[in-house]
């Protein structure tokens, strides 16, 4: 699998500003920003998608997921040492309670998954060799019509710019909202 290297700058300052926001507000800021960047990438994929009846194109979406990373190491350690899921879950909850009490929470990992969720998307993306029925009749070859990688290559710089600009805008707006709320008290 080929690897791509992307250089960025200015995100350390944004990360520090994001960390200064209350946890729930910072998480919302990051989720909204990632959703916008994901939607931009999904739109690029839809633009490149082959359209026979539109079902494949319409199945392309962006999904944002949030995962609390506190306690994951403890969960994994409990499972590796032979513990049940129940014991590992108890270790995870205990680690999260400890981190919260000590004020050492690591935060959340926010990611966005972009792509088609059609059952036939792998055939459209990668194509197929010649296929045959049990009777031996050929159903032909399906040529590849890649969408995901070309959309990524075309839109990665724009998505990174969207994330950076979106974070700057959302952090600024959140900071102003917090200040307005504090002034009303």
N, C-alpha and C. Protein backbone atom coordinates (compact mmCIF):
# COMPACT_ATOMS: atom_id res chain seq x y z
N UNK A 1 0.85 -1.18 0.00
CA UNK A 1 0.00 0.00 0.00
C UNK A 1 0.90 1.24 0.00
N UNK A 2 0.58 2.17 -0.88
CA UNK A 2 1.36 3.39 -0.98
C UNK A 2 1.03 4.31 0.19
N UNK A 3 2.03 5.02 0.63
CA UNK A 3 1.84 5.97 1.72
C UNK A 3 1.95 7.38 1.17
N UNK A 4 1.18 8.27 1.75
CA UNK A 4 1.24 9.67 1.38
C UNK A 4 1.73 10.46 2.57
N UNK A 5 2.54 11.46 2.32
CA UNK A 5 3.01 12.33 3.38
C UNK A 5 2.43 13.71 3.14
N UNK A 6 1.86 14.27 4.19
CA UNK A 6 1.23 15.58 4.09
C UNK A 6 1.86 16.46 5.16
N UNK A 7 2.34 17.62 4.73
CA UNK A 7 2.94 18.56 5.68
C UNK A 7 1.90 19.60 6.07
N UNK A 8 1.85 19.90 7.35
CA UNK A 8 0.93 20.91 7.85
C UNK A 8 1.68 21.83 8.80
N UNK A 9 1.10 23.00 9.04
CA UNK A 9 1.69 23.92 10.02
C UNK A 9 0.57 24.69 10.69
N UNK A 10 0.83 25.12 11.91
CA UNK A 10 -0.13 25.93 12.64
C UNK A 10 -1.13 25.15 13.49
N UNK A 11 -1.08 23.83 13.44
CA UNK A 11 -2.07 23.05 14.18
C UNK A 11 -1.73 22.94 15.67
N UNK A 12 -0.48 23.09 16.05
CA UNK A 12 -0.12 23.03 17.49
C UNK A 12 -0.80 24.16 18.25
N UNK A 13 -0.80 25.36 17.67
CA UNK A 13 -1.46 26.50 18.33
C UNK A 13 -2.96 26.26 18.44
N UNK A 14 -3.56 25.69 17.38
CA UNK A 14 -4.99 25.39 17.41
C UNK A 14 -5.29 24.32 18.45
N UNK A 15 -4.41 23.34 18.55
CA UNK A 15 -4.60 22.28 19.54
C UNK A 15 -4.55 22.84 20.96
N UNK A 16 -3.63 23.76 21.21
CA UNK A 16 -3.55 24.40 22.53
C UNK A 16 -4.81 25.22 22.81
N UNK A 17 -5.28 25.96 21.80
CA UNK A 17 -6.50 26.77 21.99
C UNK A 17 -7.71 25.87 22.22
N UNK A 18 -7.75 24.75 21.54
CA UNK A 18 -8.85 23.80 21.71
C UNK A 18 -8.81 23.20 23.11
N UNK A 19 -7.62 22.93 23.62
CA UNK A 19 -7.47 22.35 24.96
C UNK A 19 -7.90 23.33 26.05
N UNK A 20 -7.84 24.63 25.77
CA UNK A 20 -8.25 25.64 26.75
C UNK A 20 -9.77 25.73 26.89
N UNK A 21 -10.50 25.25 25.88
CA UNK A 21 -11.96 25.28 25.95
C UNK A 21 -12.46 24.18 26.88
N UNK A 22 -13.64 24.35 27.46
CA UNK A 22 -14.21 23.25 28.25
C UNK A 22 -14.36 22.01 27.37
N UNK A 23 -14.26 20.83 27.98
CA UNK A 23 -14.20 19.58 27.25
C UNK A 23 -15.37 19.40 26.28
N UNK A 24 -16.60 19.61 26.74
CA UNK A 24 -17.76 19.39 25.86
C UNK A 24 -17.82 20.39 24.71
N UNK A 25 -17.39 21.62 24.94
CA UNK A 25 -17.40 22.63 23.88
C UNK A 25 -16.29 22.33 22.88
N UNK A 26 -15.12 21.97 23.36
CA UNK A 26 -14.00 21.62 22.47
C UNK A 26 -14.33 20.43 21.60
N UNK A 27 -15.01 19.45 22.17
CA UNK A 27 -15.40 18.27 21.40
C UNK A 27 -16.39 18.66 20.30
N UNK A 28 -17.34 19.51 20.63
CA UNK A 28 -18.31 19.98 19.63
C UNK A 28 -17.65 20.76 18.51
N UNK A 29 -16.69 21.62 18.87
CA UNK A 29 -15.94 22.40 17.88
C UNK A 29 -15.23 21.46 16.91
N UNK A 30 -14.54 20.48 17.45
CA UNK A 30 -13.79 19.54 16.60
C UNK A 30 -14.73 18.69 15.74
N UNK A 31 -15.83 18.24 16.31
CA UNK A 31 -16.78 17.42 15.54
C UNK A 31 -17.38 18.21 14.37
N UNK A 32 -17.80 19.46 14.62
CA UNK A 32 -18.37 20.26 13.54
C UNK A 32 -17.35 20.52 12.43
N UNK A 33 -16.13 20.79 12.83
CA UNK A 33 -15.08 21.06 11.85
C UNK A 33 -14.77 19.82 11.01
N UNK A 34 -14.65 18.67 11.67
CA UNK A 34 -14.36 17.43 10.95
C UNK A 34 -15.53 17.05 10.04
N UNK A 35 -16.75 17.29 10.46
CA UNK A 35 -17.93 17.00 9.64
C UNK A 35 -17.89 17.82 8.35
N UNK A 36 -17.55 19.11 8.47
CA UNK A 36 -17.47 19.99 7.30
C UNK A 36 -16.39 19.50 6.34
N UNK A 37 -15.23 19.15 6.85
CA UNK A 37 -14.15 18.66 5.99
C UNK A 37 -14.53 17.33 5.34
N UNK A 38 -15.19 16.48 6.09
CA UNK A 38 -15.65 15.20 5.55
C UNK A 38 -16.69 15.38 4.46
N UNK A 39 -17.60 16.33 4.65
CA UNK A 39 -18.61 16.60 3.64
C UNK A 39 -17.98 17.12 2.35
N UNK A 40 -16.92 17.93 2.48
CA UNK A 40 -16.20 18.41 1.29
C UNK A 40 -15.60 17.22 0.52
N UNK A 41 -15.00 16.29 1.24
CA UNK A 41 -14.40 15.11 0.60
C UNK A 41 -15.49 14.22 0.00
N UNK A 42 -16.61 14.06 0.69
CA UNK A 42 -17.72 13.27 0.16
C UNK A 42 -18.27 13.90 -1.12
N UNK A 43 -18.35 15.22 -1.15
CA UNK A 43 -18.82 15.91 -2.35
C UNK A 43 -17.89 15.66 -3.53
N UNK A 44 -16.59 15.64 -3.28
CA UNK A 44 -15.62 15.34 -4.34
C UNK A 44 -15.79 13.90 -4.83
N UNK A 45 -16.04 12.97 -3.92
CA UNK A 45 -16.27 11.59 -4.32
C UNK A 45 -17.55 11.48 -5.14
N UNK A 46 -18.59 12.18 -4.74
CA UNK A 46 -19.85 12.15 -5.50
C UNK A 46 -19.65 12.71 -6.90
N UNK A 47 -18.81 13.72 -7.01
CA UNK A 47 -18.53 14.33 -8.31
C UNK A 47 -17.84 13.33 -9.23
N UNK A 48 -16.94 12.51 -8.68
CA UNK A 48 -16.18 11.55 -9.48
C UNK A 48 -16.90 10.22 -9.69
N UNK A 49 -17.96 9.98 -8.94
CA UNK A 49 -18.63 8.68 -8.99
C UNK A 49 -19.34 8.45 -10.32
N UNK A 50 -19.23 7.22 -10.84
CA UNK A 50 -19.99 6.90 -12.06
C UNK A 50 -21.48 6.87 -11.72
N UNK A 51 -22.30 7.35 -12.63
CA UNK A 51 -23.73 7.43 -12.35
C UNK A 51 -24.49 6.57 -13.36
N UNK A 52 -24.98 5.43 -12.89
CA UNK A 52 -25.87 4.61 -13.71
C UNK A 52 -27.30 4.95 -13.29
N UNK A 53 -27.58 4.75 -12.03
CA UNK A 53 -28.92 5.09 -11.52
C UNK A 53 -28.83 6.02 -10.30
N UNK A 54 -27.64 6.39 -9.88
CA UNK A 54 -27.46 7.34 -8.78
C UNK A 54 -27.39 6.71 -7.40
N UNK A 55 -27.64 5.40 -7.27
CA UNK A 55 -27.62 4.77 -5.94
C UNK A 55 -26.22 4.77 -5.35
N UNK A 56 -25.21 4.46 -6.17
CA UNK A 56 -23.83 4.44 -5.67
C UNK A 56 -23.42 5.85 -5.24
N UNK A 57 -23.67 6.83 -6.08
CA UNK A 57 -23.31 8.22 -5.77
C UNK A 57 -24.02 8.68 -4.49
N UNK A 58 -25.30 8.32 -4.36
CA UNK A 58 -26.08 8.75 -3.19
C UNK A 58 -25.66 8.03 -1.91
N UNK A 59 -24.96 6.90 -2.04
CA UNK A 59 -24.53 6.16 -0.84
C UNK A 59 -23.27 6.74 -0.22
N UNK A 60 -22.63 7.68 -0.91
CA UNK A 60 -21.40 8.28 -0.39
C UNK A 60 -21.76 9.27 0.72
N UNK A 61 -21.14 9.08 1.89
CA UNK A 61 -21.45 9.95 3.02
C UNK A 61 -20.21 10.16 3.89
N UNK A 62 -20.34 11.09 4.81
CA UNK A 62 -19.28 11.37 5.78
C UNK A 62 -19.86 11.11 7.17
N UNK A 63 -19.16 10.30 7.96
CA UNK A 63 -19.62 9.96 9.30
C UNK A 63 -18.53 10.33 10.30
N UNK A 64 -18.89 11.14 11.27
CA UNK A 64 -17.95 11.56 12.31
C UNK A 64 -18.12 10.65 13.51
N UNK A 65 -16.99 10.16 14.05
CA UNK A 65 -17.07 9.34 15.25
C UNK A 65 -16.14 9.91 16.32
N UNK A 66 -16.57 9.78 17.55
CA UNK A 66 -15.82 10.28 18.69
C UNK A 66 -15.51 9.11 19.61
N UNK A 67 -14.27 9.02 20.04
CA UNK A 67 -13.89 7.94 20.95
C UNK A 67 -13.09 8.52 22.11
N UNK A 68 -13.56 8.22 23.32
CA UNK A 68 -12.85 8.64 24.52
C UNK A 68 -11.61 7.75 24.64
N UNK A 69 -10.42 8.34 24.68
CA UNK A 69 -9.20 7.53 24.69
C UNK A 69 -8.70 7.22 26.10
N UNK A 70 -9.34 7.77 27.11
CA UNK A 70 -8.95 7.44 28.48
C UNK A 70 -9.31 5.99 28.78
N UNK A 71 -8.40 5.25 29.35
CA UNK A 71 -8.68 3.89 29.79
C UNK A 71 -8.52 2.82 28.74
N UNK A 72 -8.24 3.18 27.49
CA UNK A 72 -8.11 2.16 26.45
C UNK A 72 -6.91 1.24 26.70
N UNK A 73 -5.82 1.80 27.21
CA UNK A 73 -4.65 0.98 27.52
C UNK A 73 -4.97 -0.02 28.62
N UNK A 74 -5.70 0.41 29.62
CA UNK A 74 -6.07 -0.47 30.72
C UNK A 74 -7.00 -1.59 30.24
N UNK A 75 -7.92 -1.24 29.35
CA UNK A 75 -8.82 -2.23 28.78
C UNK A 75 -8.01 -3.29 28.03
N UNK A 76 -7.11 -2.83 27.16
CA UNK A 76 -6.28 -3.76 26.38
C UNK A 76 -5.40 -4.62 27.26
N UNK A 77 -4.83 -4.04 28.30
CA UNK A 77 -3.97 -4.79 29.21
C UNK A 77 -4.77 -5.89 29.92
N UNK A 78 -5.99 -5.56 30.34
CA UNK A 78 -6.83 -6.55 31.03
C UNK A 78 -7.19 -7.69 30.08
N UNK A 79 -7.48 -7.37 28.82
CA UNK A 79 -7.83 -8.42 27.85
C UNK A 79 -6.62 -9.29 27.52
N UNK A 80 -5.44 -8.66 27.36
CA UNK A 80 -4.23 -9.42 27.04
C UNK A 80 -3.82 -10.34 28.17
N UNK A 81 -4.11 -9.95 29.39
CA UNK A 81 -3.72 -10.78 30.55
C UNK A 81 -4.76 -11.87 30.83
N UNK A 82 -5.71 -12.05 29.92
CA UNK A 82 -6.67 -13.14 30.06
C UNK A 82 -7.98 -12.76 30.72
N UNK A 83 -8.20 -11.50 30.98
CA UNK A 83 -9.44 -11.08 31.61
C UNK A 83 -10.62 -11.12 30.65
N UNK A 84 -11.81 -11.22 31.19
CA UNK A 84 -13.02 -11.23 30.37
C UNK A 84 -13.33 -9.80 29.92
N UNK A 85 -14.29 -9.67 29.02
CA UNK A 85 -14.72 -8.34 28.59
C UNK A 85 -15.28 -7.55 29.75
N UNK A 86 -15.98 -8.23 30.64
CA UNK A 86 -16.58 -7.57 31.79
C UNK A 86 -15.47 -6.99 32.69
N UNK A 87 -14.43 -7.78 32.95
CA UNK A 87 -13.32 -7.31 33.78
C UNK A 87 -12.57 -6.17 33.09
N UNK A 88 -12.37 -6.30 31.77
CA UNK A 88 -11.68 -5.25 31.02
C UNK A 88 -12.49 -3.96 31.02
N UNK A 89 -13.81 -4.08 30.89
CA UNK A 89 -14.68 -2.90 30.93
C UNK A 89 -14.63 -2.23 32.30
N UNK A 90 -14.56 -3.04 33.35
CA UNK A 90 -14.44 -2.48 34.70
C UNK A 90 -13.12 -1.72 34.84
N UNK A 91 -12.04 -2.26 34.27
CA UNK A 91 -10.73 -1.59 34.31
C UNK A 91 -10.80 -0.28 33.54
N UNK A 92 -11.48 -0.27 32.42
CA UNK A 92 -11.63 0.94 31.62
C UNK A 92 -12.38 2.01 32.40
N UNK A 93 -13.52 1.63 33.00
CA UNK A 93 -14.30 2.60 33.78
C UNK A 93 -13.50 3.13 34.97
N UNK A 94 -12.76 2.24 35.64
CA UNK A 94 -11.96 2.68 36.79
C UNK A 94 -10.89 3.67 36.35
N UNK A 95 -10.25 3.39 35.22
CA UNK A 95 -9.21 4.30 34.71
C UNK A 95 -9.81 5.66 34.34
N UNK A 96 -11.00 5.64 33.77
CA UNK A 96 -11.65 6.91 33.41
C UNK A 96 -12.04 7.70 34.64
N UNK A 97 -12.52 7.01 35.68
CA UNK A 97 -12.86 7.71 36.93
C UNK A 97 -11.61 8.30 37.58
N UNK A 98 -10.52 7.52 37.59
CA UNK A 98 -9.26 8.02 38.15
C UNK A 98 -8.76 9.25 37.41
N UNK A 99 -8.79 9.19 36.07
CA UNK A 99 -8.31 10.31 35.26
C UNK A 99 -9.16 11.55 35.51
N UNK A 100 -10.47 11.35 35.64
CA UNK A 100 -11.36 12.49 35.88
C UNK A 100 -11.09 13.10 37.26
N UNK A 101 -10.91 12.23 38.27
CA UNK A 101 -10.65 12.72 39.62
C UNK A 101 -9.30 13.44 39.71
N UNK A 102 -8.32 12.92 38.98
CA UNK A 102 -6.98 13.52 39.02
C UNK A 102 -6.85 14.70 38.07
N UNK A 103 -7.83 14.88 37.18
CA UNK A 103 -7.76 15.98 36.22
C UNK A 103 -6.76 15.71 35.10
N UNK A 104 -6.51 14.45 34.81
CA UNK A 104 -5.52 14.09 33.78
C UNK A 104 -6.19 13.42 32.58
N UNK A 105 -7.39 13.84 32.24
CA UNK A 105 -8.08 13.24 31.11
C UNK A 105 -7.34 13.55 29.81
N UNK A 106 -7.26 12.54 28.94
CA UNK A 106 -6.55 12.69 27.68
C UNK A 106 -7.45 13.27 26.60
N UNK A 107 -8.74 13.15 26.75
CA UNK A 107 -9.67 13.71 25.78
C UNK A 107 -10.27 12.67 24.87
N UNK A 108 -10.60 13.11 23.67
CA UNK A 108 -11.29 12.26 22.71
C UNK A 108 -10.54 12.23 21.39
N UNK A 109 -10.68 11.12 20.69
CA UNK A 109 -10.15 10.99 19.33
C UNK A 109 -11.35 11.15 18.41
N UNK A 110 -11.29 12.13 17.54
CA UNK A 110 -12.39 12.39 16.62
C UNK A 110 -11.91 12.10 15.21
N UNK A 111 -12.67 11.27 14.52
CA UNK A 111 -12.30 10.91 13.15
C UNK A 111 -13.51 11.01 12.25
N UNK A 112 -13.26 11.10 10.98
CA UNK A 112 -14.34 11.15 10.00
C UNK A 112 -14.07 10.08 8.95
N UNK A 113 -15.09 9.28 8.68
CA UNK A 113 -15.01 8.25 7.65
C UNK A 113 -15.83 8.73 6.47
N UNK A 114 -15.20 8.75 5.30
CA UNK A 114 -15.87 9.22 4.10
C UNK A 114 -15.81 8.13 3.06
N UNK A 115 -16.94 7.85 2.44
CA UNK A 115 -16.93 6.88 1.36
C UNK A 115 -18.30 6.28 1.11
N UNK A 116 -18.35 5.43 0.11
CA UNK A 116 -19.62 4.80 -0.22
C UNK A 116 -19.96 3.68 0.76
N UNK A 117 -21.23 3.47 1.00
CA UNK A 117 -21.63 2.34 1.84
C UNK A 117 -22.61 1.45 1.09
N UNK A 118 -22.47 1.45 -0.22
CA UNK A 118 -23.27 0.57 -1.07
C UNK A 118 -22.68 -0.83 -1.01
N UNK A 119 -23.50 -1.88 -1.03
CA UNK A 119 -22.96 -3.24 -0.98
C UNK A 119 -22.07 -3.58 -2.19
N UNK A 120 -22.24 -2.87 -3.27
CA UNK A 120 -21.45 -3.16 -4.47
C UNK A 120 -20.28 -2.19 -4.67
N UNK A 121 -20.02 -1.35 -3.67
CA UNK A 121 -19.00 -0.32 -3.85
C UNK A 121 -17.62 -0.89 -4.14
N UNK A 122 -17.28 -2.04 -3.54
CA UNK A 122 -15.96 -2.62 -3.81
C UNK A 122 -15.83 -3.04 -5.28
N UNK A 123 -16.93 -3.51 -5.89
CA UNK A 123 -16.87 -3.87 -7.31
C UNK A 123 -16.69 -2.65 -8.19
N UNK A 124 -17.37 -1.58 -7.86
CA UNK A 124 -17.25 -0.34 -8.64
C UNK A 124 -15.86 0.24 -8.46
N UNK A 125 -15.38 0.26 -7.24
CA UNK A 125 -14.07 0.86 -6.93
C UNK A 125 -12.90 0.07 -7.54
N UNK A 126 -12.92 -1.26 -7.39
CA UNK A 126 -11.77 -2.07 -7.79
C UNK A 126 -12.02 -2.91 -9.04
N UNK A 127 -13.26 -3.00 -9.51
CA UNK A 127 -13.57 -3.80 -10.68
C UNK A 127 -13.55 -5.28 -10.34
N UNK A 128 -13.65 -6.10 -11.37
CA UNK A 128 -13.61 -7.55 -11.15
C UNK A 128 -13.03 -8.23 -12.38
N UNK A 129 -12.60 -9.46 -12.17
CA UNK A 129 -12.18 -10.29 -13.29
C UNK A 129 -13.41 -10.88 -13.93
N UNK A 130 -13.21 -11.76 -14.87
CA UNK A 130 -14.36 -12.39 -15.51
C UNK A 130 -15.07 -13.27 -14.50
N UNK A 131 -16.41 -13.16 -14.49
CA UNK A 131 -17.22 -13.94 -13.56
C UNK A 131 -18.08 -14.92 -14.34
N UNK A 132 -18.41 -16.06 -13.70
CA UNK A 132 -19.18 -17.10 -14.36
C UNK A 132 -20.30 -17.60 -13.46
N UNK A 133 -21.43 -17.95 -14.06
CA UNK A 133 -22.51 -18.65 -13.36
C UNK A 133 -22.10 -20.10 -13.14
N UNK A 134 -22.85 -20.81 -12.32
CA UNK A 134 -22.57 -22.24 -12.11
C UNK A 134 -22.67 -23.02 -13.42
N UNK A 135 -23.52 -22.55 -14.30
CA UNK A 135 -23.70 -23.23 -15.59
C UNK A 135 -22.51 -23.01 -16.52
N UNK A 136 -21.62 -22.07 -16.16
CA UNK A 136 -20.45 -21.80 -16.98
C UNK A 136 -20.60 -20.55 -17.83
N UNK A 137 -21.80 -19.98 -17.87
CA UNK A 137 -22.05 -18.78 -18.66
C UNK A 137 -21.29 -17.59 -18.07
N UNK A 138 -20.61 -16.85 -18.90
CA UNK A 138 -19.83 -15.69 -18.45
C UNK A 138 -20.74 -14.49 -18.23
N UNK A 139 -20.52 -13.77 -17.15
CA UNK A 139 -21.25 -12.53 -16.90
C UNK A 139 -20.40 -11.32 -17.24
N UNK A 140 -19.18 -11.57 -17.69
CA UNK A 140 -18.32 -10.49 -18.15
C UNK A 140 -17.40 -9.94 -17.09
N UNK A 141 -16.74 -8.88 -17.48
CA UNK A 141 -15.75 -8.22 -16.63
C UNK A 141 -16.29 -6.84 -16.26
N UNK A 142 -16.07 -6.44 -15.03
CA UNK A 142 -16.47 -5.10 -14.62
C UNK A 142 -15.20 -4.27 -14.45
N UNK A 143 -15.02 -3.25 -15.28
CA UNK A 143 -13.81 -2.43 -15.15
C UNK A 143 -13.86 -1.58 -13.88
N UNK A 144 -12.69 -1.30 -13.33
CA UNK A 144 -12.61 -0.47 -12.12
C UNK A 144 -12.94 0.98 -12.45
N UNK A 145 -13.67 1.62 -11.55
CA UNK A 145 -13.96 3.05 -11.65
C UNK A 145 -13.61 3.67 -10.31
N UNK A 146 -12.30 3.82 -10.02
CA UNK A 146 -11.92 4.31 -8.70
C UNK A 146 -12.46 5.71 -8.42
N UNK A 147 -12.90 5.88 -7.19
CA UNK A 147 -13.47 7.15 -6.75
C UNK A 147 -12.76 7.64 -5.49
N UNK A 148 -12.57 6.75 -4.52
CA UNK A 148 -12.09 7.16 -3.20
C UNK A 148 -10.68 7.74 -3.26
N UNK A 149 -9.73 7.02 -3.84
CA UNK A 149 -8.34 7.51 -3.87
C UNK A 149 -8.20 8.76 -4.73
N UNK A 150 -8.78 8.81 -5.93
CA UNK A 150 -8.67 10.06 -6.69
C UNK A 150 -9.29 11.26 -5.96
N UNK A 151 -10.41 11.04 -5.28
CA UNK A 151 -11.03 12.14 -4.53
C UNK A 151 -10.12 12.58 -3.39
N UNK A 152 -9.48 11.61 -2.73
CA UNK A 152 -8.54 11.94 -1.66
C UNK A 152 -7.38 12.75 -2.22
N UNK A 153 -6.80 12.27 -3.31
CA UNK A 153 -5.66 12.98 -3.91
C UNK A 153 -6.03 14.40 -4.34
N UNK A 154 -7.25 14.56 -4.90
CA UNK A 154 -7.69 15.88 -5.35
C UNK A 154 -8.07 16.80 -4.19
N UNK A 155 -8.60 16.24 -3.10
CA UNK A 155 -9.19 17.08 -2.07
C UNK A 155 -8.50 17.15 -0.73
N UNK A 156 -7.36 16.44 -0.56
CA UNK A 156 -6.74 16.40 0.77
C UNK A 156 -6.24 17.78 1.20
N UNK A 157 -5.64 18.53 0.29
CA UNK A 157 -5.13 19.85 0.66
C UNK A 157 -6.29 20.77 1.04
N UNK A 158 -7.39 20.69 0.29
CA UNK A 158 -8.57 21.50 0.60
C UNK A 158 -9.15 21.10 1.95
N UNK A 159 -9.20 19.80 2.23
CA UNK A 159 -9.76 19.33 3.51
C UNK A 159 -8.92 19.80 4.69
N UNK A 160 -7.62 19.75 4.54
CA UNK A 160 -6.74 20.24 5.62
C UNK A 160 -6.95 21.74 5.82
N UNK A 161 -7.08 22.47 4.73
CA UNK A 161 -7.36 23.91 4.83
C UNK A 161 -8.71 24.17 5.49
N UNK A 162 -9.69 23.34 5.15
CA UNK A 162 -11.02 23.47 5.76
C UNK A 162 -10.96 23.21 7.26
N UNK A 163 -10.20 22.19 7.65
CA UNK A 163 -10.06 21.87 9.07
C UNK A 163 -9.38 23.02 9.80
N UNK A 164 -8.30 23.53 9.24
CA UNK A 164 -7.56 24.62 9.90
C UNK A 164 -8.43 25.88 10.02
N UNK A 165 -9.04 26.29 8.91
CA UNK A 165 -9.88 27.50 8.93
C UNK A 165 -11.11 27.28 9.81
N UNK A 166 -11.69 26.09 9.73
CA UNK A 166 -12.87 25.79 10.54
C UNK A 166 -12.56 25.81 12.02
N UNK A 167 -11.41 25.24 12.40
CA UNK A 167 -11.03 25.25 13.82
C UNK A 167 -10.81 26.68 14.30
N UNK A 168 -10.12 27.49 13.49
CA UNK A 168 -9.88 28.88 13.88
C UNK A 168 -11.21 29.60 14.09
N UNK A 169 -12.13 29.44 13.15
CA UNK A 169 -13.42 30.10 13.23
C UNK A 169 -14.26 29.58 14.40
N UNK A 170 -14.33 28.28 14.55
CA UNK A 170 -15.14 27.68 15.62
C UNK A 170 -14.57 28.00 17.01
N UNK A 171 -13.26 27.96 17.15
CA UNK A 171 -12.64 28.28 18.45
C UNK A 171 -12.91 29.74 18.81
N UNK A 172 -12.77 30.62 17.82
CA UNK A 172 -13.05 32.03 18.06
C UNK A 172 -14.50 32.25 18.47
N UNK A 173 -15.43 31.60 17.76
CA UNK A 173 -16.85 31.75 18.08
C UNK A 173 -17.16 31.17 19.46
N UNK A 174 -16.57 30.02 19.79
CA UNK A 174 -16.81 29.40 21.10
C UNK A 174 -16.25 30.27 22.22
N UNK A 175 -15.09 30.85 22.01
CA UNK A 175 -14.48 31.73 23.02
C UNK A 175 -15.37 32.95 23.26
N UNK A 176 -15.91 33.52 22.17
CA UNK A 176 -16.81 34.67 22.32
C UNK A 176 -18.09 34.29 23.06
N UNK A 177 -18.65 33.11 22.74
CA UNK A 177 -19.86 32.65 23.43
C UNK A 177 -19.60 32.47 24.92
N UNK A 178 -18.46 31.88 25.26
CA UNK A 178 -18.11 31.67 26.67
C UNK A 178 -17.97 33.01 27.38
N UNK A 179 -17.34 33.98 26.70
CA UNK A 179 -17.16 35.30 27.32
C UNK A 179 -18.52 35.99 27.53
N UNK A 180 -19.42 35.88 26.55
CA UNK A 180 -20.75 36.48 26.68
C UNK A 180 -21.52 35.85 27.84
N UNK A 181 -21.42 34.54 27.96
CA UNK A 181 -22.10 33.85 29.06
C UNK A 181 -21.54 34.28 30.41
N UNK A 182 -20.21 34.41 30.49
CA UNK A 182 -19.58 34.83 31.74
C UNK A 182 -19.98 36.25 32.10
N UNK A 183 -20.14 37.12 31.10
CA UNK A 183 -20.50 38.51 31.35
C UNK A 183 -21.93 38.62 31.88
N UNK A 184 -22.81 37.70 31.46
CA UNK A 184 -24.20 37.74 31.92
C UNK A 184 -24.34 37.30 33.37
N UNK A 185 -23.40 36.57 33.88
CA UNK A 185 -23.50 36.06 35.27
C UNK A 185 -23.19 37.08 36.26
